Amino acid sequence: MATAPTGDLSQWGADRRKAGDAGDGGRESRRRRLAGVPDRCQRQSHRGERIDGRAESAPALLAAVAVVAILLFLTGPVAHLPKAVLGAVIVSAAVGLVDVGACRKLAAADRVEVAIAAVTAAGVVVVGVLEAVVFAVGLTILDAVRRSARPGDAVLGYDAALGRFVDVAQRPDARVVPDVVVYRLDDRLFFANAR
C-alpha cells in the first residue's frame, strides 16, 4: 500500500503508478487480469513502456525485422500476393452472399424468380456484371408486367365466425351481401390488366 503524500503530489502519483499501485493496492491490475483483459490494454506511458515499467518494444522490433526480411529476401514469391489475396477476399464474400436456404424457399414460392436469379448469375460469368444486371432488370420488369396482367381476384362474402369479409370460393358458407358485389383485385389497375 502506498504511503500518504508528504511533498510534491505529482511525484507521489507517478511513484504509485510506477509501482503498479493505482491507489487500490494493485487490486485493479489483478481484477483486469482475472477479467481476461490483455496486458496490452493497460494504460501506457508516452515512451512506449507500460506504466508498471515493463518495456513492450520487443513485438514492434520483431514486426520491423519481419517486414525488412520480407522486403529483402521474399519479394519474388510475394509479388503476386495482392492478386491472390484479392481473389480470396472476393470468393469469400461471394460464398457468404449465397444463401441456399433462402434459394430453396424462393423456389418453393416462385420458380420464375429462381430462374431470373440463375440467368443473372450465369450472365455475370458469361458477359459481365453490368450487362447481366441490365438484362436482369429487363427480365424483372417483364415478370412484373406478366404478374400484373393476370392478377388474383375474388368475390367476397361476410363470414360471421371470423367477423370479416372472405373469399367465397374458399369459404362457401360466407354470406354474400344482397344487391352488392364486393370484389377484390389483388393488384393495381394498369394498361395490361384493365380489360
C-alpha atoms as a PDB file:
ATOM      1  CA  MET A   1       0.000   0.000   0.000  1.00  0.00           C
ATOM      2  CA  ALA A   2       1.204   3.483  -0.764  1.00  0.00           C
ATOM      3  CA  THR A   3       2.012   5.951   1.910  1.00  0.00           C
ATOM      4  CA  ALA A   4       0.378   9.346   2.222  1.00  0.00           C
ATOM      5  CA  PRO A   5       1.959  12.174   0.233  1.00  0.00           C
ATOM      6  CA  THR A   6       4.467  14.313   2.038  1.00  0.00           C
ATOM      7  CA  GLY A   7       5.747  16.585  -0.726  1.00  0.00           C
ATOM      8  CA  ASP A   8       5.066  17.010  -4.437  1.00  0.00           C
ATOM      9  CA  LEU A   9       1.704  15.391  -5.258  1.00  0.00           C
ATOM     10  CA  SER A  10       2.534  14.816  -8.943  1.00  0.00           C
ATOM     11  CA  GLN A  11       5.674  12.907  -8.000  1.00  0.00           C
ATOM     12  CA  TRP A  12       3.732  10.879  -5.440  1.00  0.00           C
ATOM     13  CA  GLY A  13       1.159   9.875  -8.121  1.00  0.00           C
ATOM     14  CA  ALA A  14       3.903   8.956 -10.598  1.00  0.00           C
ATOM     15  CA  ASP A  15       5.654   6.840  -7.976  1.00  0.00           C
ATOM     16  CA  ARG A  16       2.416   4.990  -7.166  1.00  0.00           C
ATOM     17  CA  ARG A  17       1.698   4.303 -10.841  1.00  0.00           C
ATOM     18  CA  LYS A  18       5.263   3.135 -11.447  1.00  0.00           C
ATOM     19  CA  ALA A  19       4.947   0.733  -8.533  1.00  0.00           C
ATOM     20  CA  GLY A  20       1.752  -0.690 -10.043  1.00  0.00           C
ATOM     21  CA  ASP A  21      -0.367   0.673  -7.227  1.00  0.00           C
ATOM     22  CA  ALA A  22      -3.147   2.850  -8.630  1.00  0.00           C
ATOM     23  CA  GLY A  23      -4.401   3.623  -5.148  1.00  0.00           C
ATOM     24  CA  ASP A  24      -6.052   0.254  -4.631  1.00  0.00           C
ATOM     25  CA  GLY A  25      -3.106  -1.875  -3.565  1.00  0.00           C
ATOM     26  CA  GLY A  26      -2.821  -3.457  -7.046  1.00  0.00           C
ATOM     27  CA  ARG A  27      -6.400  -4.740  -6.971  1.00  0.00           C
ATOM     28  CA  GLU A  28      -7.289  -3.019 -10.276  1.00  0.00           C
ATOM     29  CA  SER A  29      -4.415  -4.727 -12.095  1.00  0.00           C
ATOM     30  CA  ARG A  30      -5.394  -8.125 -10.665  1.00  0.00           C
ATOM     31  CA  ARG A  31      -9.059  -7.520 -11.496  1.00  0.00           C
ATOM     32  CA  ARG A  32      -8.190  -6.692 -15.119  1.00  0.00           C
ATOM     33  CA  ARG A  33      -6.087  -9.829 -15.471  1.00  0.00           C
ATOM     34  CA  LEU A  34      -8.797 -12.030 -13.931  1.00  0.00           C
ATOM     35  CA  ALA A  35     -11.406 -10.479 -16.252  1.00  0.00           C
ATOM     36  CA  GLY A  36      -9.328 -11.522 -19.253  1.00  0.00           C
ATOM     37  CA  VAL A  37      -8.181  -8.049 -20.265  1.00  0.00           C
ATOM     38  CA  PRO A  38      -4.838  -8.438 -22.048  1.00  0.00           C
ATOM     39  CA  ASP A  39      -1.800  -6.620 -20.720  1.00  0.00           C
ATOM     40  CA  ARG A  40      -1.623  -4.511 -23.894  1.00  0.00           C
ATOM     41  CA  CYS A  41      -4.911  -2.880 -22.878  1.00  0.00           C
ATOM     42  CA  GLN A  42      -3.370  -1.441 -19.735  1.00  0.00           C
ATOM     43  CA  ARG A  43      -2.512   2.214 -19.537  1.00  0.00           C
ATOM     44  CA  GLN A  44       0.711   3.136 -21.339  1.00  0.00           C
ATOM     45  CA  SER A  45       3.104   5.985 -20.960  1.00  0.00           C
ATOM     46  CA  HIS A  46       4.218   8.177 -23.841  1.00  0.00           C
ATOM     47  CA  ARG A  47       7.631   6.440 -24.015  1.00  0.00           C
ATOM     48  CA  GLY A  48       6.265   3.093 -25.288  1.00  0.00           C
ATOM     49  CA  GLU A  49       6.557   1.425 -21.878  1.00  0.00           C
ATOM     50  CA  ARG A  50       3.793   0.221 -19.685  1.00  0.00           C
ATOM     51  CA  ILE A  51       3.326   2.250 -16.588  1.00  0.00           C
ATOM     52  CA  ASP A  52       4.418  -0.690 -14.470  1.00  0.00           C
ATOM     53  CA  GLY A  53       7.873  -0.410 -16.112  1.00  0.00           C
ATOM     54  CA  ARG A  54       7.935  -3.419 -18.442  1.00  0.00           C
ATOM     55  CA  ALA A  55       9.033  -2.488 -21.948  1.00  0.00           C
ATOM     56  CA  GLU A  56       6.936  -3.566 -24.887  1.00  0.00           C
ATOM     57  CA  SER A  57       9.334  -2.790 -27.690  1.00  0.00           C
ATOM     58  CA  ALA A  58      10.032  -6.487 -28.440  1.00  0.00           C
ATOM     59  CA  PRO A  59       6.859  -7.129 -30.526  1.00  0.00           C
ATOM     60  CA  ALA A  60       7.379  -3.919 -32.519  1.00  0.00           C
ATOM     61  CA  LEU A  61      11.018  -4.814 -33.118  1.00  0.00           C
ATOM     62  CA  LEU A  62      10.079  -8.325 -34.240  1.00  0.00           C
ATOM     63  CA  ALA A  63       7.483  -6.924 -36.675  1.00  0.00           C
ATOM     64  CA  ALA A  64      10.041  -4.481 -38.105  1.00  0.00           C
ATOM     65  CA  VAL A  65      12.597  -7.280 -38.617  1.00  0.00           C
ATOM     66  CA  ALA A  66       9.943  -9.441 -40.341  1.00  0.00           C
ATOM     67  CA  VAL A  67       8.993  -6.617 -42.730  1.00  0.00           C
ATOM     68  CA  VAL A  68      12.643  -5.931 -43.614  1.00  0.00           C
ATOM     69  CA  ALA A  69      13.322  -9.655 -44.185  1.00  0.00           C
ATOM     70  CA  ILE A  70      10.300  -9.984 -46.472  1.00  0.00           C
ATOM     71  CA  LEU A  71      11.294  -6.882 -48.448  1.00  0.00           C
ATOM     72  CA  LEU A  72      14.891  -8.047 -48.869  1.00  0.00           C
ATOM     73  CA  PHE A  73      14.520 -11.773 -49.491  1.00  0.00           C
ATOM     74  CA  LEU A  74      10.910 -12.651 -50.391  1.00  0.00           C
ATOM     75  CA  THR A  75       9.831 -10.016 -52.910  1.00  0.00           C
ATOM     76  CA  GLY A  76       9.651 -12.571 -55.746  1.00  0.00           C
ATOM     77  CA  PRO A  77       7.299 -15.036 -54.014  1.00  0.00           C
ATOM     78  CA  VAL A  78       5.003 -12.297 -52.713  1.00  0.00           C
ATOM     79  CA  ALA A  79       4.939 -10.226 -55.929  1.00  0.00           C
ATOM     80  CA  HIS A  80       1.582 -11.728 -56.978  1.00  0.00           C
ATOM     81  CA  LEU A  81       0.208 -11.960 -53.458  1.00  0.00           C
ATOM     82  CA  PRO A  82      -2.090  -8.915 -53.763  1.00  0.00           C
ATOM     83  CA  LYS A  83      -3.958 -10.535 -56.672  1.00  0.00           C
ATOM     84  CA  ALA A  84      -4.285 -13.840 -54.838  1.00  0.00           C
ATOM     85  CA  VAL A  85      -5.413 -12.151 -51.636  1.00  0.00           C
ATOM     86  CA  LEU A  86      -7.948 -10.032 -53.533  1.00  0.00           C
ATOM     87  CA  GLY A  87      -9.243 -13.158 -55.258  1.00  0.00           C
ATOM     88  CA  ALA A  88      -9.619 -14.931 -51.915  1.00  0.00           C
ATOM     89  CA  VAL A  89     -11.493 -11.963 -50.444  1.00  0.00           C
ATOM     90  CA  ILE A  90     -13.868 -11.845 -53.426  1.00  0.00           C
ATOM     91  CA  VAL A  91     -14.508 -15.599 -53.309  1.00  0.00           C
ATOM     92  CA  SER A  92     -15.107 -15.459 -49.559  1.00  0.00           C
ATOM     93  CA  ALA A  93     -17.547 -12.576 -49.959  1.00  0.00           C
ATOM     94  CA  ALA A  94     -19.350 -14.302 -52.836  1.00  0.00           C
ATOM     95  CA  VAL A  95     -19.744 -17.532 -50.873  1.00  0.00           C
ATOM     96  CA  GLY A  96     -21.184 -15.514 -47.994  1.00  0.00           C
ATOM     97  CA  LEU A  97     -23.735 -13.904 -50.330  1.00  0.00           C
ATOM     98  CA  VAL A  98     -25.283 -17.192 -51.417  1.00  0.00           C
ATOM     99  CA  ASP A  99     -27.985 -18.320 -49.006  1.00  0.00           C
ATOM    100  CA  VAL A 100     -29.027 -21.820 -50.044  1.00  0.00           C
ATOM    101  CA  GLY A 101     -31.933 -21.947 -47.588  1.00  0.00           C
ATOM    102  CA  ALA A 102     -33.382 -18.713 -48.972  1.00  0.00           C
ATOM    103  CA  CYS A 103     -32.996 -20.059 -52.528  1.00  0.00           C
ATOM    104  CA  ARG A 104     -34.954 -23.177 -51.564  1.00  0.00           C
ATOM    105  CA  LYS A 105     -37.719 -21.088 -50.004  1.00  0.00           C
ATOM    106  CA  LEU A 106     -37.812 -18.878 -53.080  1.00  0.00           C
ATOM    107  CA  ALA A 107     -38.004 -21.938 -55.350  1.00  0.00           C
ATOM    108  CA  ALA A 108     -40.920 -23.277 -53.329  1.00  0.00           C
ATOM    109  CA  ALA A 109     -42.727 -19.920 -53.575  1.00  0.00           C
ATOM    110  CA  ASP A 110     -41.947 -18.858 -57.150  1.00  0.00           C
ATOM    111  CA  ARG A 111     -39.868 -20.695 -59.736  1.00  0.00           C
ATOM    112  CA  VAL A 112     -39.782 -17.699 -62.091  1.00  0.00           C
ATOM    113  CA  GLU A 113     -37.804 -15.666 -59.525  1.00  0.00           C
ATOM    114  CA  VAL A 114     -35.282 -18.512 -59.194  1.00  0.00           C
ATOM    115  CA  ALA A 115     -34.960 -18.648 -62.979  1.00  0.00           C
ATOM    116  CA  ILE A 116     -34.278 -14.889 -63.135  1.00  0.00           C
ATOM    117  CA  ALA A 117     -31.640 -15.247 -60.396  1.00  0.00           C
ATOM    118  CA  ALA A 118     -29.979 -18.163 -62.210  1.00  0.00           C
ATOM    119  CA  VAL A 119     -29.952 -16.311 -65.542  1.00  0.00           C
ATOM    120  CA  THR A 120     -28.453 -13.268 -63.831  1.00  0.00           C
ATOM    121  CA  ALA A 121     -25.710 -15.332 -62.157  1.00  0.00           C
ATOM    122  CA  ALA A 122     -24.865 -17.061 -65.430  1.00  0.00           C
ATOM    123  CA  GLY A 123     -24.880 -13.718 -67.218  1.00  0.00           C
ATOM    124  CA  VAL A 124     -22.384 -12.257 -64.754  1.00  0.00           C
ATOM    125  CA  VAL A 125     -19.991 -15.100 -65.519  1.00  0.00           C
ATOM    126  CA  VAL A 126     -20.505 -15.061 -69.298  1.00  0.00           C
ATOM    127  CA  VAL A 127     -20.904 -11.399 -70.302  1.00  0.00           C
ATOM    128  CA  GLY A 128     -20.039  -9.324 -67.227  1.00  0.00           C
ATOM    129  CA  VAL A 129     -21.685  -7.688 -64.266  1.00  0.00           C
ATOM    130  CA  LEU A 130     -23.190  -4.574 -65.850  1.00  0.00           C
ATOM    131  CA  GLU A 131     -24.707  -6.336 -68.825  1.00  0.00           C
ATOM    132  CA  ALA A 132     -26.117  -9.124 -66.660  1.00  0.00           C
ATOM    133  CA  VAL A 133     -27.670  -6.666 -64.212  1.00  0.00           C
ATOM    134  CA  VAL A 134     -29.285  -4.685 -67.059  1.00  0.00           C
ATOM    135  CA  PHE A 135     -30.651  -7.926 -68.505  1.00  0.00           C
ATOM    136  CA  ALA A 136     -31.940  -8.985 -65.069  1.00  0.00           C
ATOM    137  CA  VAL A 137     -33.714  -5.643 -64.643  1.00  0.00           C
ATOM    138  CA  GLY A 138     -35.391  -6.181 -68.004  1.00  0.00           C
ATOM    139  CA  LEU A 139     -36.468  -9.701 -67.024  1.00  0.00           C
ATOM    140  CA  THR A 140     -37.815  -8.423 -63.722  1.00  0.00           C
ATOM    141  CA  ILE A 141     -39.883  -5.723 -65.453  1.00  0.00           C
ATOM    142  CA  LEU A 142     -41.307  -8.335 -67.851  1.00  0.00           C
ATOM    143  CA  ASP A 143     -42.133 -10.586 -64.893  1.00  0.00           C
ATOM    144  CA  ALA A 144     -43.878  -7.715 -63.083  1.00  0.00           C
ATOM    145  CA  VAL A 145     -45.987  -6.994 -66.177  1.00  0.00           C
ATOM    146  CA  ARG A 146     -46.796 -10.707 -66.537  1.00  0.00           C
ATOM    147  CA  ARG A 147     -47.925 -10.931 -62.918  1.00  0.00           C
ATOM    148  CA  SER A 148     -49.969  -7.759 -63.092  1.00  0.00           C
ATOM    149  CA  ALA A 149     -51.637  -8.769 -66.356  1.00  0.00           C
ATOM    150  CA  ARG A 150     -53.256 -11.724 -64.581  1.00  0.00           C
ATOM    151  CA  PRO A 151     -53.924 -10.564 -61.048  1.00  0.00           C
ATOM    152  CA  GLY A 152     -55.749 -12.645 -58.492  1.00  0.00           C
ATOM    153  CA  ASP A 153     -59.320 -11.615 -57.791  1.00  0.00           C
ATOM    154  CA  ALA A 154     -62.198 -12.740 -55.611  1.00  0.00           C
ATOM    155  CA  VAL A 155     -65.826 -12.097 -54.815  1.00  0.00           C
ATOM    156  CA  LEU A 156     -66.109 -11.560 -51.077  1.00  0.00           C
ATOM    157  CA  GLY A 157     -68.799 -12.551 -48.619  1.00  0.00           C
ATOM    158  CA  TYR A 158     -69.201 -11.869 -44.911  1.00  0.00           C
ATOM    159  CA  ASP A 159     -68.164 -14.657 -42.544  1.00  0.00           C
ATOM    160  CA  ALA A 160     -69.845 -14.161 -39.154  1.00  0.00           C
ATOM    161  CA  ALA A 161     -67.495 -16.642 -37.425  1.00  0.00           C
ATOM    162  CA  LEU A 162     -64.416 -14.638 -38.450  1.00  0.00           C
ATOM    163  CA  GLY A 163     -66.112 -11.258 -38.331  1.00  0.00           C
ATOM    164  CA  ARG A 164     -64.750 -10.154 -41.721  1.00  0.00           C
ATOM    165  CA  PHE A 165     -65.164 -10.488 -45.477  1.00  0.00           C
ATOM    166  CA  VAL A 166     -63.568 -13.574 -47.041  1.00  0.00           C
ATOM    167  CA  ASP A 167     -63.273 -15.191 -50.486  1.00  0.00           C
ATOM    168  CA  VAL A 168     -66.499 -17.099 -51.182  1.00  0.00           C
ATOM    169  CA  ALA A 169     -64.592 -19.624 -53.320  1.00  0.00           C
ATOM    170  CA  GLN A 170     -62.559 -20.637 -50.248  1.00  0.00           C
ATOM    171  CA  ARG A 171     -65.408 -20.219 -47.724  1.00  0.00           C
ATOM    172  CA  PRO A 172     -68.751 -21.247 -49.277  1.00  0.00           C
ATOM    173  CA  ASP A 173     -70.582 -20.533 -46.001  1.00  0.00           C
ATOM    174  CA  ALA A 174     -69.736 -16.807 -46.268  1.00  0.00           C
ATOM    175  CA  ARG A 175     -72.871 -14.692 -46.853  1.00  0.00           C
ATOM    176  CA  VAL A 176     -72.876 -12.541 -49.992  1.00  0.00           C
ATOM    177  CA  VAL A 177     -74.416  -9.118 -49.382  1.00  0.00           C
ATOM    178  CA  PRO A 178     -77.678  -8.815 -51.409  1.00  0.00           C
ATOM    179  CA  ASP A 179     -77.636  -6.333 -54.298  1.00  0.00           C
ATOM    180  CA  VAL A 180     -73.921  -5.580 -53.721  1.00  0.00           C
ATOM    181  CA  VAL A 181     -70.865  -7.273 -55.187  1.00  0.00           C
ATOM    182  CA  VAL A 182     -67.780  -6.930 -53.007  1.00  0.00           C
ATOM    183  CA  TYR A 183     -64.879  -7.582 -55.380  1.00  0.00           C
ATOM    184  CA  ARG A 184     -61.186  -7.748 -54.522  1.00  0.00           C
ATOM    185  CA  LEU A 185     -58.479  -7.241 -57.144  1.00  0.00           C
ATOM    186  CA  ASP A 186     -55.076  -8.349 -55.856  1.00  0.00           C
ATOM    187  CA  ASP A 187     -53.066  -5.869 -57.919  1.00  0.00           C
ATOM    188  CA  ARG A 188     -53.193  -2.325 -59.188  1.00  0.00           C
ATOM    189  CA  LEU A 189     -55.002  -1.482 -62.386  1.00  0.00           C
ATOM    190  CA  PHE A 190     -52.894  -0.511 -65.398  1.00  0.00           C
ATOM    191  CA  PHE A 191     -52.913  -0.975 -69.178  1.00  0.00           C
ATOM    192  CA  ALA A 192     -52.018  -4.691 -69.115  1.00  0.00           C
ATOM    193  CA  ASN A 193     -54.876  -5.793 -66.866  1.00  0.00           C
ATOM    194  CA  ALA A 194     -57.629  -3.210 -67.475  1.00  0.00           C
ATOM    195  CA  ARG A 195     -59.992  -5.276 -69.639  1.00  0.00           C
END
